[in-house]
Protein backbone atom coordinates (compact mmCIF):
# COMPACT_ATOMS: atom_id res chain seq x y z
CA MET A 1 209.46 44.83 148.27
CA THR A 2 212.60 46.81 147.40
CA SER A 3 211.93 49.93 145.36
CA VAL A 4 213.18 49.77 141.75
CA ARG A 5 213.35 52.77 139.45
CA GLY A 6 211.88 52.15 136.05
CA ALA A 7 214.19 52.22 133.04
CA GLN A 8 213.98 54.67 130.13
CA ILE A 9 214.05 53.46 126.51
CA GLN A 10 215.15 55.59 123.55
CA ALA A 11 215.25 54.51 119.91
CA HIS A 12 216.34 56.78 117.07
CA ASN A 13 216.03 55.56 113.46
CA TRP A 14 216.81 52.11 114.81
CA GLY A 15 216.63 48.95 112.70
CA TRP A 16 217.86 45.36 112.64
CA ARG A 17 218.29 42.78 109.90
CA HIS A 18 219.15 39.15 110.63
CA SER A 19 222.00 37.57 108.67
CA GLY A 20 220.63 35.95 105.54
CA ARG A 21 217.51 38.15 105.47
CA LYS A 22 216.99 40.70 102.73
CA ALA A 23 214.58 42.95 104.61
CA PHE A 24 214.99 44.60 108.00
CA ALA A 25 212.87 43.01 110.73
CA VAL A 26 212.54 46.48 112.26
CA ALA A 27 213.34 49.66 110.34
CA GLY A 28 213.34 53.40 111.01
CA LEU A 29 212.07 53.13 114.59
CA ASP A 30 211.82 56.35 116.60
CA LEU A 31 210.47 55.76 120.09
CA THR A 32 210.84 57.01 123.66
CA ILE A 33 209.41 55.16 126.67
CA GLN A 34 209.65 56.93 130.00
CA PRO A 35 210.57 55.24 133.31
CA GLY A 36 207.60 53.42 134.81
CA GLU A 37 205.49 53.41 131.65
CA ARG A 38 203.50 50.28 130.82
CA VAL A 39 203.52 49.66 127.09
CA LEU A 40 201.69 47.05 125.02
CA LEU A 41 203.68 46.40 121.84
CA LEU A 42 201.47 45.30 118.95
CA GLY A 43 201.85 44.60 115.25
CA ALA A 44 201.20 42.01 112.57
CA SER A 45 203.05 38.69 112.67
CA GLY A 46 206.59 39.36 111.47
CA ALA A 47 206.47 43.11 112.15
CA GLY A 48 209.52 42.83 114.40
CA LYS A 49 208.04 42.83 117.90
CA SER A 50 210.20 39.97 119.19
CA THR A 51 213.25 41.43 117.46
CA LEU A 52 212.77 44.72 119.30
CA ILE A 53 212.20 42.94 122.62
CA HIS A 54 215.41 40.93 122.20
CA ALA A 55 217.31 44.06 121.21
CA LEU A 56 216.12 45.83 124.36
CA ALA A 57 217.32 42.85 126.40
CA GLY A 58 220.77 43.02 124.77
CA VAL A 59 220.61 39.47 123.40
CA LEU A 60 220.34 39.99 119.64
CA GLY A 61 223.98 39.12 119.09
CA GLY A 62 226.83 40.89 117.34
CA ALA A 63 227.62 41.84 113.77
CA GLU A 64 227.99 38.18 112.77
CA GLU A 65 224.30 37.59 113.54
CA GLY A 66 222.87 40.62 111.83
CA GLU A 67 223.12 44.29 110.88
CA GLN A 68 222.04 47.16 113.14
CA ARG A 69 221.25 50.73 112.18
CA GLY A 70 220.53 53.77 114.31
CA GLN A 71 220.59 53.91 118.09
CA LEU A 72 218.82 51.97 120.84
CA LEU A 73 219.46 52.88 124.50
CA VAL A 74 218.26 51.81 127.94
CA ASP A 75 218.96 54.45 130.58
CA GLY A 76 221.38 56.09 128.17
CA LEU A 77 223.50 53.00 127.52
CA ALA A 78 223.46 50.14 125.02
CA PRO A 79 221.18 47.37 126.35
CA VAL A 80 224.08 44.89 126.45
CA LYS A 81 225.60 47.04 129.22
CA GLN A 82 222.39 47.09 131.25
CA ARG A 83 221.56 43.39 131.50
CA GLY A 84 221.37 43.48 135.30
CA ARG A 85 218.52 45.98 134.99
CA ILE A 86 216.55 44.04 132.39
CA GLY A 87 214.37 40.94 132.64
CA LEU A 88 213.25 39.10 129.47
CA LEU A 89 210.60 36.43 129.13
CA GLN A 90 211.02 34.74 125.75
CA GLN A 91 208.35 33.06 123.63
CA ASP A 92 209.91 29.64 124.21
CA PRO A 93 210.27 29.05 127.98
CA ASP A 94 212.43 25.97 127.32
CA ALA A 95 215.14 28.35 126.15
CA GLN A 96 215.31 29.87 129.65
CA VAL A 97 215.20 26.82 131.94
CA VAL A 98 218.69 26.12 133.30
CA LEU A 99 218.42 23.98 136.45
CA SER A 100 216.65 20.73 137.28
CA ARG A 101 214.53 21.88 140.24
CA VAL A 102 211.85 24.57 140.34
CA GLY A 103 213.14 26.36 143.45
CA ASP A 104 216.75 26.36 142.28
CA GLU A 105 215.68 27.79 138.93
CA VAL A 106 214.09 30.84 140.57
CA ALA A 107 216.97 31.25 143.03
CA PHE A 108 219.59 31.11 140.26
CA GLY A 109 219.04 34.67 139.04
CA LEU A 110 218.97 36.05 142.57
CA GLU A 111 222.28 34.39 143.38
CA ASN A 112 223.82 35.93 140.25
CA LEU A 113 222.58 39.35 141.40
CA ALA A 114 224.25 38.77 144.81
CA VAL A 115 220.95 39.06 146.69
CA PRO A 116 221.57 38.37 150.42
CA ARG A 117 221.03 34.71 151.26
CA ALA A 118 218.32 35.48 153.81
CA GLU A 119 216.22 37.19 151.13
CA ILE A 120 216.54 34.58 148.38
CA TRP A 121 214.12 31.85 149.46
CA PRO A 122 211.34 34.19 150.64
CA ARG A 123 211.54 35.85 147.21
CA VAL A 124 211.52 32.45 145.49
CA ARG A 125 208.38 31.31 147.32
CA GLN A 126 206.60 34.63 146.77
CA ALA A 127 207.36 34.69 143.03
CA LEU A 128 206.12 31.12 142.54
CA ALA A 129 202.94 31.92 144.47
CA ASP A 130 202.39 35.10 142.44
CA VAL A 131 202.31 33.17 139.15
CA GLY A 132 200.20 30.32 140.55
CA LEU A 133 202.89 27.64 140.27
CA ASN A 134 202.02 25.76 143.43
CA LEU A 135 204.61 23.00 143.31
CA PRO A 136 207.29 21.77 145.74
CA LEU A 137 210.60 23.61 145.43
CA ASP A 138 212.31 20.35 144.49
CA HIS A 139 209.83 19.55 141.70
CA SER A 140 211.61 18.61 138.46
CA THR A 141 211.62 21.31 135.79
CA ALA A 142 211.76 18.57 133.14
CA ALA A 143 208.34 17.34 134.33
CA LEU A 144 206.64 20.70 133.73
CA SER A 145 204.24 21.34 130.88
CA GLY A 146 204.87 24.16 128.43
CA GLY A 147 202.44 26.44 130.27
CA GLN A 148 204.00 25.63 133.63
CA LYS A 149 207.46 26.41 132.24
CA GLN A 150 206.06 29.76 131.09
CA ARG A 151 204.95 30.52 134.64
CA LEU A 152 208.31 29.39 136.03
CA ALA A 153 210.23 31.64 133.64
CA LEU A 154 208.06 34.59 134.66
CA ALA A 155 208.57 33.79 138.35
CA CYS A 156 212.35 33.91 137.78
CA LEU A 157 212.03 37.43 136.36
CA LEU A 158 209.62 38.73 139.00
CA ALA A 159 211.89 37.51 141.79
CA MET A 160 214.77 39.61 140.39
CA ARG A 161 212.64 42.80 140.27
CA PRO A 162 214.17 44.30 137.11
CA GLY A 163 213.91 47.97 136.21
CA LEU A 164 212.75 46.98 132.72
CA LEU A 165 210.42 44.00 132.35
CA LEU A 166 210.15 42.60 128.81
CA LEU A 167 207.46 39.99 128.17
CA ASP A 168 207.20 38.25 124.79
CA GLU A 169 203.79 36.53 124.45
CA PRO A 170 203.73 35.64 128.18
CA THR A 171 200.23 34.12 128.18
CA ALA A 172 200.26 32.34 124.81
CA ASN A 173 200.23 28.79 126.20
CA LEU A 174 198.39 29.42 129.47
CA ASP A 175 194.93 28.32 130.54
CA PRO A 176 192.41 31.08 131.50
CA ASP A 177 193.25 30.87 135.21
CA GLY A 178 196.95 31.08 134.40
CA ILE A 179 196.40 34.22 132.30
CA LEU A 180 194.72 35.98 135.22
CA GLU A 181 197.42 34.88 137.66
CA VAL A 182 200.20 36.11 135.38
CA ARG A 183 198.53 39.49 134.82
CA THR A 184 197.92 39.90 138.55
CA ALA A 185 201.51 38.97 139.37
CA VAL A 186 202.92 41.43 136.83
CA ASP A 187 200.62 44.18 138.06
CA SER A 188 201.69 43.58 141.66
CA VAL A 189 205.39 43.78 140.82
CA LEU A 190 204.93 46.94 138.75
CA GLU A 191 202.97 48.64 141.54
CA SER A 192 205.65 47.74 144.09
CA THR A 193 208.76 48.52 142.04
CA GLY A 194 207.82 51.16 139.48
CA SER A 195 209.49 49.05 136.76
CA THR A 196 208.97 49.86 133.11
CA LEU A 197 206.94 47.24 131.21
CA VAL A 198 207.00 46.36 127.52
CA VAL A 199 204.76 43.40 126.73
CA VAL A 200 204.20 41.77 123.34
CA GLU A 201 200.82 40.08 122.99
CA HIS A 202 198.49 39.62 120.03
CA ARG A 203 195.30 39.63 122.10
CA VAL A 204 194.81 43.24 123.21
CA GLU A 205 192.06 42.58 125.75
CA ILE A 206 194.37 40.56 128.00
CA TRP A 207 196.52 43.60 128.87
CA ALA A 208 194.40 46.61 127.89
CA ASP A 209 193.37 47.53 131.45
CA LEU A 210 196.91 47.11 132.85
CA VAL A 211 198.95 49.12 130.34
CA ASP A 212 198.72 52.87 129.80
CA ARG A 213 200.12 53.04 126.27
CA VAL A 214 199.91 51.09 123.02
CA VAL A 215 202.66 51.12 120.38
CA VAL A 216 201.92 49.39 117.08
CA LEU A 217 204.86 48.51 114.83
CA ASP A 218 204.32 48.89 111.10
CA ALA A 219 205.44 45.84 109.12
CA GLY A 220 206.89 48.26 106.55
CA GLY A 221 208.97 50.12 109.15
CA GLY A 222 208.37 52.68 111.85
CA VAL A 223 205.29 53.01 114.06
CA LEU A 224 201.73 52.55 112.83
CA ALA A 225 200.07 53.93 115.97
CA ASP A 226 201.18 55.21 119.38
CA GLY A 227 199.21 56.66 122.26
CA PRO A 228 197.02 56.02 125.31
CA THR A 229 195.40 52.58 125.14
CA SER A 230 191.75 53.64 125.07
CA SER A 231 192.16 56.48 122.56
CA VAL A 232 194.26 54.40 120.12
CA LEU A 233 191.78 51.53 120.17
CA ALA A 234 188.78 53.85 119.85
CA SER A 235 190.12 56.06 117.05
CA GLN A 236 192.12 53.50 115.06
CA GLY A 237 190.54 50.15 115.93
CA ALA A 238 189.31 49.37 112.42
CA ARG A 239 192.62 50.39 110.84
CA LEU A 240 194.61 48.27 113.27
CA ALA A 241 192.31 45.29 112.74
CA GLU A 242 192.87 45.59 109.01
CA ALA A 243 196.62 45.43 109.68
CA GLY A 244 196.14 42.18 111.62
CA VAL A 245 196.00 43.43 115.23
CA TRP A 246 193.58 41.60 117.55
CA VAL A 247 191.39 44.58 118.46
CA PRO A 248 188.41 44.03 120.80
CA GLY A 249 185.21 44.12 118.78
CA HIS A 250 187.02 43.35 115.50
CA HIS A 251 187.92 39.67 115.95
CA PRO A 252 187.69 37.42 112.89
CA SER A 253 185.13 34.62 112.89
CA HIS A 254 184.60 31.51 110.80
CA ARG A 255 181.83 29.07 109.92
CA ARG A 256 182.73 25.44 109.25
CA SER A 257 182.41 23.97 105.78
CA THR A 258 180.40 20.83 105.07
CA VAL A 259 182.20 17.76 106.40
CA PRO A 260 182.55 14.49 104.44
CA GLU A 261 180.93 11.24 105.45
CA ALA A 262 182.52 10.05 108.69
CA THR A 263 184.98 7.17 108.58
CA THR A 264 187.01 6.42 111.69
CA LEU A 265 190.73 6.99 111.25
CA LEU A 266 192.22 6.71 114.71
CA GLY A 267 191.03 5.86 118.21
CA THR A 268 192.13 5.17 121.79
CA GLU A 269 190.85 2.53 124.19
CA GLY A 270 191.34 2.97 127.93
CA LEU A 271 194.42 5.03 127.20
CA ALA A 272 196.76 6.15 129.97
CA THR A 273 199.69 8.41 129.08
CA ALA A 274 203.08 9.12 130.61
CA ARG A 275 205.82 11.43 129.36
CA VAL A 276 208.30 9.23 131.28
CA PRO A 277 207.39 5.52 131.72
CA GLY A 278 205.92 4.84 135.13
CA HIS A 279 204.90 8.46 135.82
CA LEU A 280 201.19 8.69 134.96
CA VAL A 281 199.98 11.91 133.35
CA ALA A 282 196.42 11.16 132.20
CA GLU A 283 194.18 8.11 132.10
CA GLN A 284 190.80 6.68 131.05
CA ILE A 285 190.88 8.36 127.64
CA ASP A 286 188.59 6.95 124.96
CA LEU A 287 188.27 8.87 121.73
CA GLU A 288 187.56 8.32 118.04
CA LEU A 289 188.81 10.63 115.32
CA SER A 290 187.02 10.44 111.97
CA ARG A 291 187.54 11.92 108.52
CA GLY A 292 186.52 15.57 108.49
CA GLU A 293 186.50 15.83 112.29
CA LEU A 294 188.46 18.15 114.57
CA ILE A 295 188.82 17.21 118.23
CA ALA A 296 189.97 20.10 120.42
CA VAL A 297 191.90 18.97 123.51
CA THR A 298 191.56 21.60 126.23
CA GLY A 299 192.27 21.82 129.96
CA ASP A 300 194.55 23.26 132.60
CA ASN A 301 198.31 23.56 132.21
CA GLY A 302 199.97 20.35 133.35
CA ALA A 303 196.91 18.15 132.75
CA GLY A 304 198.70 16.19 130.02
CA LYS A 305 197.40 17.66 126.76
CA SER A 306 200.75 17.67 124.95
CA THR A 307 201.60 14.21 126.24
CA LEU A 308 198.28 12.93 124.90
CA ALA A 309 199.02 14.50 121.52
CA LEU A 310 202.46 12.88 121.30
CA THR A 311 201.03 9.51 122.35
CA VAL A 312 198.18 9.57 119.84
CA GLY A 313 200.66 10.71 117.20
CA GLY A 314 202.76 7.57 117.69
CA LEU A 315 205.79 9.42 119.04
CA ILE A 316 205.85 8.12 122.64
CA PRO A 317 204.58 4.77 123.98
CA VAL A 318 201.31 4.32 125.84
CA GLU A 319 201.38 3.78 129.61
CA ALA A 320 198.26 1.58 129.47
CA GLY A 321 195.44 0.87 127.05
CA ARG A 322 196.13 1.41 123.38
CA VAL A 323 196.07 3.70 120.36
CA VAL A 324 194.44 2.03 117.36
CA ALA A 325 194.86 3.05 113.73
CA HIS A 326 191.86 1.87 111.72
CA PRO A 327 192.35 0.30 108.25
CA SER A 328 191.45 3.59 106.52
CA LEU A 329 194.56 5.11 108.12
CA ALA A 330 196.89 2.14 108.71
CA ASP A 331 196.70 0.95 105.09
CA GLY A 332 198.41 -2.35 105.82
CA VAL A 333 201.22 -1.29 108.19
CA GLY A 334 199.68 -2.43 111.50
CA THR A 335 197.33 -0.84 114.00
CA ASP A 336 199.87 0.63 116.46
CA PRO A 337 201.26 4.02 115.27
CA PHE A 338 204.16 3.82 117.74
CA ALA A 339 205.42 0.72 115.88
CA TRP A 340 205.44 2.48 112.51
CA ARG A 341 208.67 3.60 110.88
CA SER A 342 209.25 7.33 110.37
CA ARG A 343 208.49 7.12 106.66
CA GLU A 344 205.23 5.29 107.38
CA LEU A 345 204.19 8.06 109.78
CA LEU A 346 204.87 10.84 107.28
CA THR A 347 201.77 10.27 105.13
CA ARG A 348 199.56 8.92 107.93
CA ILE A 349 200.04 11.10 111.02
CA GLY A 350 201.76 14.48 111.04
CA THR A 351 202.53 16.11 114.40
CA VAL A 352 203.22 19.79 115.06
CA PHE A 353 205.02 20.23 118.40
CA GLN A 354 204.19 22.93 120.92
CA GLU A 355 207.69 24.39 120.47
CA PRO A 356 208.38 24.88 116.71
CA ASP A 357 212.16 25.03 117.23
CA HIS A 358 212.15 21.39 118.32
CA GLN A 359 211.31 20.12 114.84
CA PHE A 360 213.31 22.32 112.46
CA LEU A 361 216.10 20.50 110.62
CA ALA A 362 216.98 22.57 107.53
CA THR A 363 218.88 25.83 107.18
CA THR A 364 216.25 27.61 105.06
CA VAL A 365 212.48 27.85 105.21
CA ALA A 366 212.06 26.39 101.70
CA ASP A 367 214.33 23.44 102.45
CA GLU A 368 212.38 22.74 105.65
CA LEU A 369 209.27 22.28 103.49
CA ARG A 370 211.14 20.06 101.02
CA LEU A 371 212.44 17.59 103.65
CA GLY A 372 209.35 15.41 103.98
CA PRO A 373 208.41 15.18 100.30
CA ARG A 374 212.03 14.34 99.43
CA ALA A 375 212.08 11.62 102.11
CA LEU A 376 208.99 10.16 100.45
CA GLY A 377 210.87 9.96 97.15
CA LEU A 378 208.54 12.32 95.28
CA PRO A 379 209.63 13.77 91.91
CA SER A 380 211.40 17.13 92.18
CA SER A 381 208.58 18.84 90.30
CA GLU A 382 206.07 17.64 92.91
CA VAL A 383 208.39 18.67 95.76
CA GLU A 384 208.69 22.19 94.34
CA SER A 385 204.97 22.44 93.64
CA ARG A 386 204.06 21.57 97.23
CA THR A 387 206.76 23.89 98.60
CA ASP A 388 205.66 26.87 96.51
CA GLU A 389 201.99 26.33 97.34
CA LEU A 390 202.60 26.30 101.09
CA LEU A 391 205.01 29.24 101.02
CA GLU A 392 202.34 31.31 99.31
CA ARG A 393 199.38 30.06 101.34
CA LEU A 394 200.96 30.62 104.75
CA ARG A 395 202.65 33.92 103.86
CA LEU A 396 206.17 32.52 104.03
CA ASN A 397 207.25 33.16 100.44
CA ARG A 398 209.28 36.29 101.31
CA LEU A 399 211.10 34.19 103.91
CA ALA A 400 211.95 31.22 101.66
CA GLY A 401 215.70 31.74 101.99
CA ALA A 402 215.72 32.66 105.69
CA ASN A 403 216.98 30.41 108.48
CA PRO A 404 213.94 29.01 110.36
CA PHE A 405 215.46 29.91 113.71
CA THR A 406 215.53 33.63 112.82
CA LEU A 407 211.76 33.82 112.24
CA SER A 408 209.27 35.39 114.62
CA GLY A 409 207.22 33.12 116.87
CA GLY A 410 204.17 33.36 114.62
CA GLU A 411 206.23 32.69 111.49
CA LYS A 412 207.85 29.66 113.13
CA ARG A 413 204.42 28.27 113.99
CA ARG A 414 203.19 28.65 110.41
CA LEU A 415 206.36 27.00 109.12
CA SER A 416 206.00 24.04 111.48
CA VAL A 417 202.41 23.54 110.29
CA ALA A 418 203.42 23.90 106.65
CA ALA A 419 206.26 21.37 107.01
CA VAL A 420 203.76 18.75 108.19
CA LEU A 421 201.19 19.64 105.54
CA ALA A 422 203.84 19.17 102.82
CA ASN A 423 203.60 15.40 103.46
CA ARG A 424 199.78 15.43 103.16
CA PRO A 425 199.08 13.10 106.11
CA LYS A 426 195.55 11.81 106.72
CA VAL A 427 195.68 12.82 110.41
CA LEU A 428 197.11 16.04 111.85
CA ILE A 429 198.14 16.39 115.50
CA LEU A 430 198.51 20.11 116.27
CA ASP A 431 199.79 21.48 119.58
CA GLU A 432 198.75 25.14 119.99
CA PRO A 433 198.39 25.72 116.22
CA THR A 434 197.37 29.39 116.51
CA PHE A 435 200.21 30.45 118.83
CA GLY A 436 201.69 33.83 117.84
CA GLN A 437 199.24 34.54 115.00
CA ASP A 438 197.84 37.96 114.23
CA ALA A 439 194.19 38.24 113.22
CA LYS A 440 194.94 37.86 109.50
CA THR A 441 197.23 34.85 109.73
CA TRP A 442 194.86 33.28 112.29
CA ARG A 443 191.99 33.45 109.81
CA GLU A 444 194.13 32.13 106.95
CA LEU A 445 195.29 29.21 109.08
CA VAL A 446 191.73 28.43 110.14
CA LEU A 447 190.56 28.55 106.51
CA LEU A 448 193.33 26.17 105.48
CA LEU A 449 192.52 23.69 108.24
CA ASP A 450 188.83 23.89 107.34
CA GLU A 451 189.67 22.98 103.74
CA LEU A 452 191.70 20.01 104.97
CA LEU A 453 188.76 18.87 107.10
CA ALA A 454 186.41 19.19 104.13
CA ALA A 455 188.86 17.08 102.11
CA GLY A 456 188.65 14.29 104.69
CA ARG A 457 191.59 14.88 107.02
CA GLY A 458 191.18 14.25 110.74
CA ILE A 459 192.65 16.76 113.20
CA LEU A 460 193.39 16.55 116.92
CA ALA A 461 194.38 19.99 118.22
CA VAL A 462 195.65 20.93 121.67
CA THR A 463 194.57 24.51 122.27
CA HIS A 464 193.76 27.26 124.76
CA ASP A 465 192.31 29.39 121.94
CA ARG A 466 188.54 29.57 122.49
CA ALA A 467 188.00 31.31 119.14
CA PHE A 468 189.77 28.44 117.37
CA THR A 469 187.70 25.83 119.24
CA THR A 470 184.48 27.68 118.45
CA ALA A 471 185.38 28.02 114.77
CA LEU A 472 186.48 24.46 113.98
CA ALA A 473 185.96 21.90 116.74
CA ASP A 474 183.37 19.15 116.38
CA THR A 475 184.30 17.66 119.75
CA GLU A 476 185.95 19.21 122.80
CA LEU A 477 187.84 16.83 125.06
CA ARG A 478 188.81 18.52 128.32
CA LEU A 479 191.54 17.04 130.51
CA GLU A 480 190.92 17.74 134.19
CA ALA A 481 193.54 17.16 136.85
CA ALA A 482 192.69 14.69 139.63
CA PHE A 483 194.02 14.93 143.20
CA ASP A 484 194.02 12.57 146.17
CA GLY A 485 194.72 14.24 149.51
CA GLY A 486 196.26 17.19 147.68
CA VAL A 487 198.60 14.96 145.65
CA TYR A 488 198.29 15.01 141.85
CA THR A 489 197.22 11.58 140.60
CA GLY A 490 196.78 12.25 136.88
CA ALA A 491 194.16 13.75 134.62
CA LYS A 492 190.92 12.35 133.25
CA ALA A 493 189.19 13.21 130.00
CA ILE A 494 185.72 14.75 129.95
CA GLU A 495 183.89 15.33 126.67
CA VAL A 496 182.32 18.79 126.59
CA ALA A 497 178.96 19.17 124.84
CA ARG A 498 179.09 21.50 121.83
């Protein structure tokens, strides 16, 4: 592998404020990262980690998108002038997919860097193998799951061998095997190239043995902690945990409340799912969701978890079998959720997508929460009451006037959950509900969902978060991929004893 010199990062009193935001996302940052260093960037949700990562990649935008203070340099130049040296993996992999075929997607960056033709396809195949994306080069990128897209986006970066590798929550939507493959792939590239690494991740234990330094951003500005990984965690673990950092040995836990008497709300019978009609994703799924019950849907990336969630939520049609709303949920509008009108879905089934950006419609956080209640024709006093309650409960009140698309990944997730809760549906379909949450906001979200369960809501949650499953799940439904002669033939559901 070609040798690559790691990039140096220098920040002096640097800060950034998005247009329309009162407070700076990052303020008063003084930081130097030497070439070849491996840094884990931590901090509470909303502390500015993603903002800093995007600034280092030179993609924050100009003066019309926000206000910058101080100085931020990569190898002595503004990041926007060093883009050929920098590779960024964003929180939303959909934002990075350009082409329709897997192989072409990885080759695209290499072609733009004028890599010799003879080197391109060996690099493409190696990068895909490194991240465990074992698919044909002509496989459709549109057919990939969220976790598979995450691996593809990382493969694109690894193939280009940047001097500065920036990873923003790279394992958030990956299964356990995928997490190990991604870490191994990143480690291999760093060993071979000497690239500098800055990785944002809430769960410290995933990267602790690969990085050599931890930098913790203070939500109030500046740096809360900085130093060698082991010494920072040993000397300041309790303090960091209090600030919301996921520190090993300090993880929050939760015990379920008493559940109400079970009444079936929603079920499936011999269900087969397909994201595109005729292309089977999963089959033979029989489940029943009752009041006060949480079903956790787990399994490998690409096994069809998100497709199952969208199908059960009445947003895409079934491939075979059926989804049945029981009278306690249907309330006179028919048994097939897919046949319901949008307004009928609002108070019956609320779905939170895997990618929060895909469901935002308003220009401010507060207005996003008002959309559903207004569509239901509720009095303005009730609309405002629900909005204020959710802003406070999910720590979004200071962001009420902000544009949803300027929020951090964790803030976007909380907003997408809050927007569904504003309609008070009887069933919640949640796809990766704890994505991007620090330890504090994770616990608050779990407490809120527990209260909803105790009040009789039913929840189906797609998740890779074992702590979440342990805390709240009554039933775990694992989707396992099936193969015939090495060819994927769909996934089948297996109920896991709890």
